Structures are given as structure tokens and as C-alpha cells.
Amino acid sequence: MELLIQLLVNGLISSSLYALLAVGFGIVYRSLKFFHIAYGGIYLVASYTAIFFVQNLNLSIYFSMLTGLLMAVLISIFIEKTVYLPFERKNTGSGVLFVVSLGIFIVLQNLIAMIFGNDIKALDFPVEGSFSLGSIIVTKIQILQFFTGIIVVLIFWLLTKKNTFFKALWAMGDNPELIRVLGYPYHKMRILVFSLSAVFVSIGSVLTTIDIGIDPNVGMKALLIGAIAVIVGGINSFFGWVLGAFFLGMFEAVSVWKFSSNWSELITYTLLILTLLFKPEGLISVVKRRG
């Protein structure tokens, strides 16, 4: 039983990181209606930029992490302006964008592998120690991960509820033409969508890297975690994204207890398939009015 409790605590902490990945992916998927596979490459860019600044230039880890976030945002904007937007102006179908985005991910992943190698690299964060309650142990870094994830997601949720411009971002996914009619700068809003997405995935990336490290092969896993959480939770529900992330994290924790960590990914994808088969609208469905 103590092992189960420890796994559930770990699952809860992982869930807060999954929530960041889910919101970052969901913003693009909900607003622009296409599968942003390059998201996994942006995940890598954030942490490896921070690692470069720390290990090669001996700069502060805080400055390096901030620079990693900024670089991820700039790369996302560059991809939008030079690749996605030109295709969007040609009314290219989502299938073509899917393939193009996959190509961008592969390029980013291989460039990072060529520059940094395939071995695991980590950021030495100046927070050490842990808290224990009996045999249950939680590190200070895990506590930082949990509360940072929750606070960042909560702030964004409040913005989408209180700020008119952020409400318009949400409405883009329903009727982009209406956004133009109402006078909102549609193309600038697209840039904001990709920028916000990069911020969320960057925070999730560096928080993971200071704990367990990173290698060039984890970008696709980060993408799939975000995508699965959004699909399982419900594409049209922000709360559904977060719920999907926590459901996924806790589901993986229980699967490790019952089976093995080697089976966690198989069980996760099985959950996705079952959701698509029996509840394709996700755990939380939003009914839209017709007409």
C-alpha cells in the first residue's frame, strides 16, 4: 500500500507537468484545428538552449532557463511565419500541415542530436533535499514542479475567463472568419497562439530537465502526452485538458503499481484508443448551439 501511495504522489506531480503540455498543445489544436507535431521539437529547444547557456557560457541557470523559454517562443513564431502561415494563406488542407509539421519536428530533433549527442543531459538546479512522511518521499524539485504547473495553468484559465482578447483566442477555433469581422488582428492572434503554446511546453520541459534530465528522443513523447490528455479530456474544454492530464498521470501511476513501468506507454495508448472508440468527445464534452 505504501508503494501505491508513493506512486500516486509521483503521478500527481507528473500530472501537473502533463497539464502544462496539454494546455500548450490544446491552445494550437483548439484554435487552429491542426496537429502541431513540431510542438515536440519546441519542447527540446527550450531545455537544450538552457543547457547550452549553462554548460558552454557558464551563465546563471535562471537566466539560461528564461533564455530557453524565449528561444522556444522565437522558434515557434519563426515556424508560424515562414511555414504554417504561407500554407494557411494557400488554404492548404490539414493533412499537408500534418506532414510539414512532422518534418519540422524531425529536423529539430536531429539538429539537437547532432549538436548535443543522444545521451541524457540535465540542468543542476540549486534546490536539493526532500520531505518524507514515513516511507513516502517527495523532493523539493517535485514540489516546485507541482505548484509551478498548477499556478501557470490557473493563471491562464483566469485570463481566458476575464480577458476579452483571450476569449477571442478561444473563439478562433469556432469561427475564424468572425474574428476578422469583429476587427481582431487574426494573424497576430495566430502568433500569440504559438507563443503561448511555446511558453507552456518550455516550462514543462525545463521543469522536467532539472529533475530527470532530457535526451533528443523525448520530444515525441512530450507531444503525445499533451495530445492524448487533450483528446481524452475533451478538445473543446479547457478544464477537460487539465482533467485529461491528471487522469493520464494517475492512470500511469496505477499501471506501474499493477504491472511495470515498461507497460505504461502501452496502457496510455490503450486509454487513447478506448476514448476514441467509446467517447470520442472526451471526458468533458461541450454542447454547441446550432444556428
C-alpha atoms as a PDB file:
ATOM      1  CA  MET A   1       0.000   0.000   0.000  1.00  0.00           C
ATOM      2  CA  GLU A   2       2.869   2.387   0.756  1.00  0.00           C
ATOM      3  CA  LEU A   3       4.230   1.739  -2.723  1.00  0.00           C
ATOM      4  CA  LEU A   4       0.850   2.616  -4.222  1.00  0.00           C
ATOM      5  CA  ILE A   5       0.682   5.880  -2.246  1.00  0.00           C
ATOM      6  CA  GLN A   6       4.209   6.812  -3.361  1.00  0.00           C
ATOM      7  CA  LEU A   7       3.291   6.089  -6.977  1.00  0.00           C
ATOM      8  CA  LEU A   8       0.097   8.144  -6.681  1.00  0.00           C
ATOM      9  CA  VAL A   9       2.069  11.081  -5.253  1.00  0.00           C
ATOM     10  CA  ASN A  10       4.530  10.792  -8.138  1.00  0.00           C
ATOM     11  CA  GLY A  11       1.587  10.539 -10.534  1.00  0.00           C
ATOM     12  CA  LEU A  12       0.057  13.697  -9.104  1.00  0.00           C
ATOM     13  CA  ILE A  13       3.296  15.600  -9.652  1.00  0.00           C
ATOM     14  CA  SER A  14       3.662  14.232 -13.184  1.00  0.00           C
ATOM     15  CA  SER A  15       0.064  15.258 -13.843  1.00  0.00           C
ATOM     16  CA  SER A  16       0.859  18.919 -13.166  1.00  0.00           C
ATOM     17  CA  LEU A  17       3.597  18.741 -15.814  1.00  0.00           C
ATOM     18  CA  TYR A  18       1.249  16.905 -18.167  1.00  0.00           C
ATOM     19  CA  ALA A  19      -1.266  19.722 -17.656  1.00  0.00           C
ATOM     20  CA  LEU A  20       1.303  22.218 -18.959  1.00  0.00           C
ATOM     21  CA  LEU A  21       1.898  20.050 -22.033  1.00  0.00           C
ATOM     22  CA  ALA A  22      -1.833  19.583 -22.558  1.00  0.00           C
ATOM     23  CA  VAL A  23      -2.644  23.290 -22.396  1.00  0.00           C
ATOM     24  CA  GLY A  24       0.267  24.160 -24.692  1.00  0.00           C
ATOM     25  CA  PHE A  25      -0.845  21.601 -27.280  1.00  0.00           C
ATOM     26  CA  GLY A  26      -4.539  22.317 -26.801  1.00  0.00           C
ATOM     27  CA  ILE A  27      -4.179  26.041 -27.488  1.00  0.00           C
ATOM     28  CA  VAL A  28      -2.967  25.335 -31.033  1.00  0.00           C
ATOM     29  CA  TYR A  29      -5.217  22.339 -31.669  1.00  0.00           C
ATOM     30  CA  ARG A  30      -8.356  24.103 -30.429  1.00  0.00           C
ATOM     31  CA  SER A  31      -7.660  27.491 -32.036  1.00  0.00           C
ATOM     32  CA  LEU A  32      -6.189  26.485 -35.396  1.00  0.00           C
ATOM     33  CA  LYS A  33      -7.527  22.949 -35.844  1.00  0.00           C
ATOM     34  CA  PHE A  34      -4.369  21.129 -36.828  1.00  0.00           C
ATOM     35  CA  PHE A  35      -1.956  18.684 -35.206  1.00  0.00           C
ATOM     36  CA  HIS A  36       1.136  20.703 -34.265  1.00  0.00           C
ATOM     37  CA  ILE A  37       3.747  17.904 -34.272  1.00  0.00           C
ATOM     38  CA  ALA A  38       6.624  20.415 -34.214  1.00  0.00           C
ATOM     39  CA  TYR A  39       5.483  21.002 -30.614  1.00  0.00           C
ATOM     40  CA  GLY A  40       7.720  18.087 -29.627  1.00  0.00           C
ATOM     41  CA  GLY A  41      10.695  19.866 -31.201  1.00  0.00           C
ATOM     42  CA  ILE A  42       9.917  23.090 -29.318  1.00  0.00           C
ATOM     43  CA  TYR A  43       9.976  21.009 -26.120  1.00  0.00           C
ATOM     44  CA  LEU A  44      13.569  20.045 -26.932  1.00  0.00           C
ATOM     45  CA  VAL A  45      14.643  23.551 -27.957  1.00  0.00           C
ATOM     46  CA  ALA A  46      13.738  25.063 -24.585  1.00  0.00           C
ATOM     47  CA  SER A  47      15.807  22.724 -22.434  1.00  0.00           C
ATOM     48  CA  TYR A  48      18.768  22.336 -24.763  1.00  0.00           C
ATOM     49  CA  THR A  49      19.083  26.105 -25.128  1.00  0.00           C
ATOM     50  CA  ALA A  50      19.195  26.387 -21.334  1.00  0.00           C
ATOM     51  CA  ILE A  51      21.767  23.572 -21.156  1.00  0.00           C
ATOM     52  CA  PHE A  52      23.962  25.304 -23.766  1.00  0.00           C
ATOM     53  CA  PHE A  53      23.974  28.598 -21.870  1.00  0.00           C
ATOM     54  CA  VAL A  54      24.766  26.916 -18.555  1.00  0.00           C
ATOM     55  CA  GLN A  55      27.413  24.451 -19.719  1.00  0.00           C
ATOM     56  CA  ASN A  56      29.115  26.412 -22.506  1.00  0.00           C
ATOM     57  CA  LEU A  57      28.770  30.020 -21.388  1.00  0.00           C
ATOM     58  CA  ASN A  58      28.658  29.437 -17.611  1.00  0.00           C
ATOM     59  CA  LEU A  59      25.635  31.680 -17.211  1.00  0.00           C
ATOM     60  CA  SER A  60      23.116  31.590 -14.375  1.00  0.00           C
ATOM     61  CA  ILE A  61      20.661  28.710 -14.540  1.00  0.00           C
ATOM     62  CA  TYR A  62      17.749  31.119 -14.031  1.00  0.00           C
ATOM     63  CA  PHE A  63      18.877  33.322 -16.923  1.00  0.00           C
ATOM     64  CA  SER A  64      19.531  30.230 -19.044  1.00  0.00           C
ATOM     65  CA  MET A  65      16.070  28.801 -18.373  1.00  0.00           C
ATOM     66  CA  LEU A  66      14.499  32.133 -19.287  1.00  0.00           C
ATOM     67  CA  THR A  67      16.600  32.240 -22.459  1.00  0.00           C
ATOM     68  CA  GLY A  68      15.470  28.711 -23.310  1.00  0.00           C
ATOM     69  CA  LEU A  69      11.856  29.811 -22.990  1.00  0.00           C
ATOM     70  CA  LEU A  70      12.491  32.868 -25.164  1.00  0.00           C
ATOM     71  CA  MET A  71      14.261  30.789 -27.805  1.00  0.00           C
ATOM     72  CA  ALA A  72      11.344  28.347 -27.910  1.00  0.00           C
ATOM     73  CA  VAL A  73       8.928  31.252 -28.429  1.00  0.00           C
ATOM     74  CA  LEU A  74      11.074  32.731 -31.204  1.00  0.00           C
ATOM     75  CA  ILE A  75      11.400  29.365 -32.985  1.00  0.00           C
ATOM     76  CA  SER A  76       7.635  28.881 -32.744  1.00  0.00           C
ATOM     77  CA  ILE A  77       6.981  32.317 -34.241  1.00  0.00           C
ATOM     78  CA  PHE A  78       9.549  31.636 -36.974  1.00  0.00           C
ATOM     79  CA  ILE A  79       7.827  28.347 -37.881  1.00  0.00           C
ATOM     80  CA  GLU A  80       4.431  30.069 -37.962  1.00  0.00           C
ATOM     81  CA  LYS A  81       5.546  32.990 -40.137  1.00  0.00           C
ATOM     82  CA  THR A  82       7.759  31.070 -42.578  1.00  0.00           C
ATOM     83  CA  VAL A  83       5.944  27.716 -42.854  1.00  0.00           C
ATOM     84  CA  TYR A  84       2.448  27.464 -41.377  1.00  0.00           C
ATOM     85  CA  LEU A  85       1.123  30.884 -42.374  1.00  0.00           C
ATOM     86  CA  PRO A  86       2.131  30.643 -46.064  1.00  0.00           C
ATOM     87  CA  PHE A  87       0.383  27.257 -46.263  1.00  0.00           C
ATOM     88  CA  GLU A  88      -2.660  28.677 -44.461  1.00  0.00           C
ATOM     89  CA  ARG A  89      -2.895  31.500 -46.998  1.00  0.00           C
ATOM     90  CA  LYS A  90      -2.968  28.881 -49.766  1.00  0.00           C
ATOM     91  CA  ASN A  91      -5.881  27.137 -47.993  1.00  0.00           C
ATOM     92  CA  THR A  92      -3.768  24.019 -47.631  1.00  0.00           C
ATOM     93  CA  GLY A  93      -5.518  21.055 -46.015  1.00  0.00           C
ATOM     94  CA  SER A  94      -4.735  19.794 -42.519  1.00  0.00           C
ATOM     95  CA  GLY A  95      -3.121  16.665 -43.962  1.00  0.00           C
ATOM     96  CA  VAL A  96      -0.367  18.676 -45.644  1.00  0.00           C
ATOM     97  CA  LEU A  97       0.206  20.718 -42.483  1.00  0.00           C
ATOM     98  CA  PHE A  98       0.466  17.464 -40.532  1.00  0.00           C
ATOM     99  CA  VAL A  99       3.267  16.212 -42.797  1.00  0.00           C
ATOM    100  CA  VAL A 100       5.038  19.590 -42.815  1.00  0.00           C
ATOM    101  CA  SER A 101       4.883  19.812 -39.027  1.00  0.00           C
ATOM    102  CA  LEU A 102       6.278  16.284 -38.744  1.00  0.00           C
ATOM    103  CA  GLY A 103       9.150  17.310 -40.995  1.00  0.00           C
ATOM    104  CA  ILE A 104       9.928  20.318 -38.787  1.00  0.00           C
ATOM    105  CA  PHE A 105       9.970  18.102 -35.717  1.00  0.00           C
ATOM    106  CA  ILE A 106      12.376  15.637 -37.357  1.00  0.00           C
ATOM    107  CA  VAL A 107      14.708  18.486 -38.391  1.00  0.00           C
ATOM    108  CA  LEU A 108      14.751  19.998 -34.891  1.00  0.00           C
ATOM    109  CA  GLN A 109      15.254  16.623 -33.231  1.00  0.00           C
ATOM    110  CA  ASN A 110      18.155  15.644 -35.478  1.00  0.00           C
ATOM    111  CA  LEU A 111      19.863  19.030 -35.257  1.00  0.00           C
ATOM    112  CA  ILE A 112      19.776  18.802 -31.465  1.00  0.00           C
ATOM    113  CA  ALA A 113      21.111  15.236 -31.556  1.00  0.00           C
ATOM    114  CA  MET A 114      23.953  16.303 -33.867  1.00  0.00           C
ATOM    115  CA  ILE A 115      24.937  19.233 -31.655  1.00  0.00           C
ATOM    116  CA  PHE A 116      24.459  17.759 -28.176  1.00  0.00           C
ATOM    117  CA  GLY A 117      24.575  13.997 -28.725  1.00  0.00           C
ATOM    118  CA  ASN A 118      22.000  11.376 -27.774  1.00  0.00           C
ATOM    119  CA  ASP A 119      22.981  10.912 -24.142  1.00  0.00           C
ATOM    120  CA  ILE A 120      20.905  12.293 -21.266  1.00  0.00           C
ATOM    121  CA  LYS A 121      21.757  15.806 -20.133  1.00  0.00           C
ATOM    122  CA  ALA A 122      20.466  17.650 -17.085  1.00  0.00           C
ATOM    123  CA  LEU A 123      20.386  21.089 -15.500  1.00  0.00           C
ATOM    124  CA  ASP A 124      21.803  21.358 -11.988  1.00  0.00           C
ATOM    125  CA  PHE A 125      19.155  23.344 -10.158  1.00  0.00           C
ATOM    126  CA  PRO A 126      20.124  24.858  -6.764  1.00  0.00           C
ATOM    127  CA  VAL A 127      17.284  23.138  -4.904  1.00  0.00           C
ATOM    128  CA  GLU A 128      18.107  19.974  -3.016  1.00  0.00           C
ATOM    129  CA  GLY A 129      16.635  17.823  -0.312  1.00  0.00           C
ATOM    130  CA  SER A 130      13.324  16.131   0.231  1.00  0.00           C
ATOM    131  CA  PHE A 131      10.450  15.714   2.655  1.00  0.00           C
ATOM    132  CA  SER A 132       9.308  12.372   3.987  1.00  0.00           C
ATOM    133  CA  LEU A 133       6.220  11.078   5.707  1.00  0.00           C
ATOM    134  CA  GLY A 134       7.006   7.548   6.718  1.00  0.00           C
ATOM    135  CA  SER A 135       8.242   5.832   3.586  1.00  0.00           C
ATOM    136  CA  ILE A 136       6.634   8.425   1.279  1.00  0.00           C
ATOM    137  CA  ILE A 137       9.293  10.785  -0.125  1.00  0.00           C
ATOM    138  CA  VAL A 138       8.785  13.994  -2.102  1.00  0.00           C
ATOM    139  CA  THR A 139      11.756  16.030  -3.308  1.00  0.00           C
ATOM    140  CA  LYS A 140      11.803  19.824  -3.230  1.00  0.00           C
ATOM    141  CA  ILE A 141      12.127  19.856  -7.012  1.00  0.00           C
ATOM    142  CA  GLN A 142       8.932  17.790  -7.278  1.00  0.00           C
ATOM    143  CA  ILE A 143       7.136  20.296  -5.056  1.00  0.00           C
ATOM    144  CA  LEU A 144       8.420  23.106  -7.289  1.00  0.00           C
ATOM    145  CA  GLN A 145       7.169  21.223 -10.357  1.00  0.00           C
ATOM    146  CA  PHE A 146       3.722  20.640  -8.912  1.00  0.00           C
ATOM    147  CA  PHE A 147       2.998  24.169  -7.740  1.00  0.00           C
ATOM    148  CA  THR A 148       4.555  25.834 -10.808  1.00  0.00           C
ATOM    149  CA  GLY A 149       2.393  23.710 -13.114  1.00  0.00           C
ATOM    150  CA  ILE A 150      -0.781  24.394 -11.142  1.00  0.00           C
ATOM    151  CA  ILE A 151      -0.156  28.148 -10.833  1.00  0.00           C
ATOM    152  CA  VAL A 152       0.714  28.672 -14.514  1.00  0.00           C
ATOM    153  CA  VAL A 153      -2.341  26.738 -15.704  1.00  0.00           C
ATOM    154  CA  LEU A 154      -4.588  28.565 -13.219  1.00  0.00           C
ATOM    155  CA  ILE A 155      -3.333  31.986 -14.355  1.00  0.00           C
ATOM    156  CA  PHE A 156      -4.073  31.160 -17.979  1.00  0.00           C
ATOM    157  CA  TRP A 157      -7.539  29.859 -17.089  1.00  0.00           C
ATOM    158  CA  LEU A 158      -8.314  33.120 -15.293  1.00  0.00           C
ATOM    159  CA  LEU A 159      -7.149  35.086 -18.337  1.00  0.00           C
ATOM    160  CA  THR A 160      -9.437  33.107 -20.641  1.00  0.00           C
ATOM    161  CA  LYS A 161     -12.352  33.867 -18.322  1.00  0.00           C
ATOM    162  CA  LYS A 162     -11.700  37.557 -17.619  1.00  0.00           C
ATOM    163  CA  ASN A 163      -9.838  38.991 -20.606  1.00  0.00           C
ATOM    164  CA  THR A 164     -11.746  39.723 -23.828  1.00  0.00           C
ATOM    165  CA  PHE A 165      -8.727  39.192 -26.061  1.00  0.00           C
ATOM    166  CA  PHE A 166      -8.049  35.766 -24.583  1.00  0.00           C
ATOM    167  CA  LYS A 167     -11.718  34.910 -25.009  1.00  0.00           C
ATOM    168  CA  ALA A 168     -11.287  35.764 -28.678  1.00  0.00           C
ATOM    169  CA  LEU A 169      -8.378  33.293 -28.893  1.00  0.00           C
ATOM    170  CA  TRP A 170     -10.739  30.573 -27.748  1.00  0.00           C
ATOM    171  CA  ALA A 171     -13.377  31.674 -30.256  1.00  0.00           C
ATOM    172  CA  MET A 172     -10.888  31.335 -33.136  1.00  0.00           C
ATOM    173  CA  GLY A 173     -11.450  27.612 -33.124  1.00  0.00           C
ATOM    174  CA  ASP A 174     -15.189  28.013 -33.695  1.00  0.00           C
ATOM    175  CA  ASN A 175     -15.334  30.748 -36.315  1.00  0.00           C
ATOM    176  CA  PRO A 176     -12.063  32.332 -37.503  1.00  0.00           C
ATOM    177  CA  GLU A 177     -13.907  34.461 -40.063  1.00  0.00           C
ATOM    178  CA  LEU A 178     -15.968  36.055 -37.280  1.00  0.00           C
ATOM    179  CA  ILE A 179     -12.726  37.082 -35.579  1.00  0.00           C
ATOM    180  CA  ARG A 180     -11.767  39.030 -38.692  1.00  0.00           C
ATOM    181  CA  VAL A 181     -15.235  40.586 -38.965  1.00  0.00           C
ATOM    182  CA  LEU A 182     -15.036  41.782 -35.362  1.00  0.00           C
ATOM    183  CA  GLY A 183     -11.794  43.575 -36.153  1.00  0.00           C
ATOM    184  CA  TYR A 184      -9.339  41.376 -34.251  1.00  0.00           C
ATOM    185  CA  PRO A 185      -5.843  41.028 -35.815  1.00  0.00           C
ATOM    186  CA  TYR A 186      -6.199  37.411 -36.886  1.00  0.00           C
ATOM    187  CA  HIS A 187      -2.594  36.824 -37.956  1.00  0.00           C
ATOM    188  CA  LYS A 188      -1.219  38.445 -34.819  1.00  0.00           C
ATOM    189  CA  MET A 189      -3.533  36.262 -32.796  1.00  0.00           C
ATOM    190  CA  ARG A 190      -2.084  33.205 -34.522  1.00  0.00           C
ATOM    191  CA  ILE A 191       1.383  34.359 -33.467  1.00  0.00           C
ATOM    192  CA  LEU A 192       0.129  34.758 -29.907  1.00  0.00           C
ATOM    193  CA  VAL A 193      -1.313  31.233 -30.003  1.00  0.00           C
ATOM    194  CA  PHE A 194       2.052  29.745 -30.958  1.00  0.00           C
ATOM    195  CA  SER A 195       3.882  31.946 -28.454  1.00  0.00           C
ATOM    196  CA  LEU A 196       1.650  30.853 -25.581  1.00  0.00           C
ATOM    197  CA  SER A 197       1.965  27.252 -26.666  1.00  0.00           C
ATOM    198  CA  ALA A 198       5.767  27.567 -26.590  1.00  0.00           C
ATOM    199  CA  VAL A 199       5.676  29.105 -23.101  1.00  0.00           C
ATOM    200  CA  PHE A 200       3.689  26.191 -21.697  1.00  0.00           C
ATOM    201  CA  VAL A 201       5.781  23.477 -23.316  1.00  0.00           C
ATOM    202  CA  SER A 202       9.017  25.265 -22.317  1.00  0.00           C
ATOM    203  CA  ILE A 203       8.041  25.431 -18.666  1.00  0.00           C
ATOM    204  CA  GLY A 204       7.125  21.756 -18.724  1.00  0.00           C
ATOM    205  CA  SER A 205      10.405  20.941 -20.473  1.00  0.00           C
ATOM    206  CA  VAL A 206      12.801  22.754 -18.125  1.00  0.00           C
ATOM    207  CA  LEU A 207      10.936  21.584 -15.018  1.00  0.00           C
ATOM    208  CA  THR A 208      11.412  18.010 -16.187  1.00  0.00           C
ATOM    209  CA  THR A 209      15.045  18.556 -17.172  1.00  0.00           C
ATOM    210  CA  ILE A 210      16.074  19.864 -13.741  1.00  0.00           C
ATOM    211  CA  ASP A 211      14.661  16.660 -12.261  1.00  0.00           C
ATOM    212  CA  ILE A 212      15.394  13.692 -14.537  1.00  0.00           C
ATOM    213  CA  GLY A 213      17.241  15.231 -17.481  1.00  0.00           C
ATOM    214  CA  ILE A 214      16.463  15.159 -21.188  1.00  0.00           C
ATOM    215  CA  ASP A 215      17.569  13.458 -24.399  1.00  0.00           C
ATOM    216  CA  PRO A 216      16.616  14.153 -28.043  1.00  0.00           C
ATOM    217  CA  ASN A 217      14.194  11.223 -28.148  1.00  0.00           C
ATOM    218  CA  VAL A 218      11.702  12.514 -25.556  1.00  0.00           C
ATOM    219  CA  GLY A 219      10.207  15.246 -27.744  1.00  0.00           C
ATOM    220  CA  MET A 220       7.701  12.913 -29.386  1.00  0.00           C
ATOM    221  CA  LYS A 221       6.668  11.523 -26.001  1.00  0.00           C
ATOM    222  CA  ALA A 222       6.009  15.068 -24.733  1.00  0.00           C
ATOM    223  CA  LEU A 223       3.907  15.790 -27.823  1.00  0.00           C
ATOM    224  CA  LEU A 224       1.870  12.606 -27.398  1.00  0.00           C
ATOM    225  CA  ILE A 225       1.286  13.226 -23.690  1.00  0.00           C
ATOM    226  CA  GLY A 226      -0.127  16.671 -24.474  1.00  0.00           C
ATOM    227  CA  ALA A 227      -2.207  15.396 -27.387  1.00  0.00           C
ATOM    228  CA  ILE A 228      -3.598  12.380 -25.531  1.00  0.00           C
ATOM    229  CA  ALA A 229      -4.518  14.489 -22.499  1.00  0.00           C
ATOM    230  CA  VAL A 230      -6.414  16.938 -24.737  1.00  0.00           C
ATOM    231  CA  ILE A 231      -8.240  14.218 -26.667  1.00  0.00           C
ATOM    232  CA  VAL A 232      -9.097  12.181 -23.572  1.00  0.00           C
ATOM    233  CA  GLY A 233     -10.211  15.250 -21.622  1.00  0.00           C
ATOM    234  CA  GLY A 234     -12.214  16.844 -24.427  1.00  0.00           C
ATOM    235  CA  ILE A 235     -10.919  19.080 -27.203  1.00  0.00           C
ATOM    236  CA  ASN A 236     -13.409  21.891 -26.552  1.00  0.00           C
ATOM    237  CA  SER A 237     -12.971  22.096 -22.784  1.00  0.00           C
ATOM    238  CA  PHE A 238     -10.041  23.794 -21.050  1.00  0.00           C
ATOM    239  CA  PHE A 239     -10.977  22.038 -17.818  1.00  0.00           C
ATOM    240  CA  GLY A 240     -11.124  18.830 -19.830  1.00  0.00           C
ATOM    241  CA  TRP A 241      -7.499  19.266 -20.923  1.00  0.00           C
ATOM    242  CA  VAL A 242      -6.365  19.592 -17.322  1.00  0.00           C
ATOM    243  CA  LEU A 243      -8.599  16.740 -16.187  1.00  0.00           C
ATOM    244  CA  GLY A 244      -7.249  14.596 -19.019  1.00  0.00           C
ATOM    245  CA  ALA A 245      -3.682  15.370 -17.936  1.00  0.00           C
ATOM    246  CA  PHE A 246      -4.376  14.382 -14.328  1.00  0.00           C
ATOM    247  CA  PHE A 247      -6.325  11.317 -15.403  1.00  0.00           C
ATOM    248  CA  LEU A 248      -3.400  10.279 -17.604  1.00  0.00           C
ATOM    249  CA  GLY A 249      -0.802  10.866 -14.877  1.00  0.00           C
ATOM    250  CA  MET A 250      -2.726   8.938 -12.234  1.00  0.00           C
ATOM    251  CA  PHE A 251      -3.613   6.181 -14.702  1.00  0.00           C
ATOM    252  CA  GLU A 252       0.078   5.693 -15.481  1.00  0.00           C
ATOM    253  CA  ALA A 253       0.896   5.604 -11.753  1.00  0.00           C
ATOM    254  CA  VAL A 254      -1.630   2.858 -11.092  1.00  0.00           C
ATOM    255  CA  SER A 255      -0.457   0.916 -14.149  1.00  0.00           C
ATOM    256  CA  VAL A 256       3.114   0.930 -12.796  1.00  0.00           C
ATOM    257  CA  TRP A 257       1.804  -0.427  -9.480  1.00  0.00           C
ATOM    258  CA  LYS A 258      -0.175  -3.212 -11.108  1.00  0.00           C
ATOM    259  CA  PHE A 259       2.177  -4.065 -13.947  1.00  0.00           C
ATOM    260  CA  SER A 260       5.522  -2.387 -14.677  1.00  0.00           C
ATOM    261  CA  SER A 261       6.848   0.944 -15.881  1.00  0.00           C
ATOM    262  CA  ASN A 262       7.687  -0.839 -19.150  1.00  0.00           C
ATOM    263  CA  TRP A 263       3.953  -1.159 -19.811  1.00  0.00           C
ATOM    264  CA  SER A 264       2.956   2.438 -19.010  1.00  0.00           C
ATOM    265  CA  GLU A 265       3.104   3.725 -22.594  1.00  0.00           C
ATOM    266  CA  LEU A 266       1.125   0.756 -23.920  1.00  0.00           C
ATOM    267  CA  ILE A 267      -1.567   1.343 -21.312  1.00  0.00           C
ATOM    268  CA  THR A 268      -1.605   5.081 -22.081  1.00  0.00           C
ATOM    269  CA  TYR A 269      -2.185   4.498 -25.804  1.00  0.00           C
ATOM    270  CA  THR A 270      -4.789   1.866 -24.995  1.00  0.00           C
ATOM    271  CA  LEU A 271      -6.598   4.559 -22.999  1.00  0.00           C
ATOM    272  CA  LEU A 272      -6.479   6.844 -26.040  1.00  0.00           C
ATOM    273  CA  ILE A 273      -7.875   4.157 -28.343  1.00  0.00           C
ATOM    274  CA  LEU A 274     -10.688   3.320 -25.923  1.00  0.00           C
ATOM    275  CA  THR A 275     -11.565   7.009 -25.644  1.00  0.00           C
ATOM    276  CA  LEU A 276     -11.709   7.434 -29.419  1.00  0.00           C
ATOM    277  CA  LEU A 277     -13.839   4.306 -29.765  1.00  0.00           C
ATOM    278  CA  PHE A 278     -16.349   4.817 -26.972  1.00  0.00           C
ATOM    279  CA  LYS A 279     -16.234   8.523 -26.023  1.00  0.00           C
ATOM    280  CA  PRO A 280     -14.626  10.463 -28.879  1.00  0.00           C
ATOM    281  CA  GLU A 281     -15.838  13.800 -27.484  1.00  0.00           C
ATOM    282  CA  GLY A 282     -13.639  13.220 -24.400  1.00  0.00           C
ATOM    283  CA  LEU A 283     -14.400  13.081 -20.707  1.00  0.00           C
ATOM    284  CA  ILE A 284     -15.944  16.542 -20.827  1.00  0.00           C
ATOM    285  CA  SER A 285     -17.998  17.394 -23.906  1.00  0.00           C
ATOM    286  CA  VAL A 286     -19.191  20.895 -24.707  1.00  0.00           C
ATOM    287  CA  VAL A 287     -22.519  21.080 -26.490  1.00  0.00           C
ATOM    288  CA  LYS A 288     -22.605  23.839 -29.111  1.00  0.00           C
ATOM    289  CA  ARG A 289     -25.764  25.595 -30.181  1.00  0.00           C
ATOM    290  CA  ARG A 290     -26.839  25.205 -33.788  1.00  0.00           C
ATOM    291  CA  GLY A 291     -27.820  28.224 -35.818  1.00  0.00           C
END
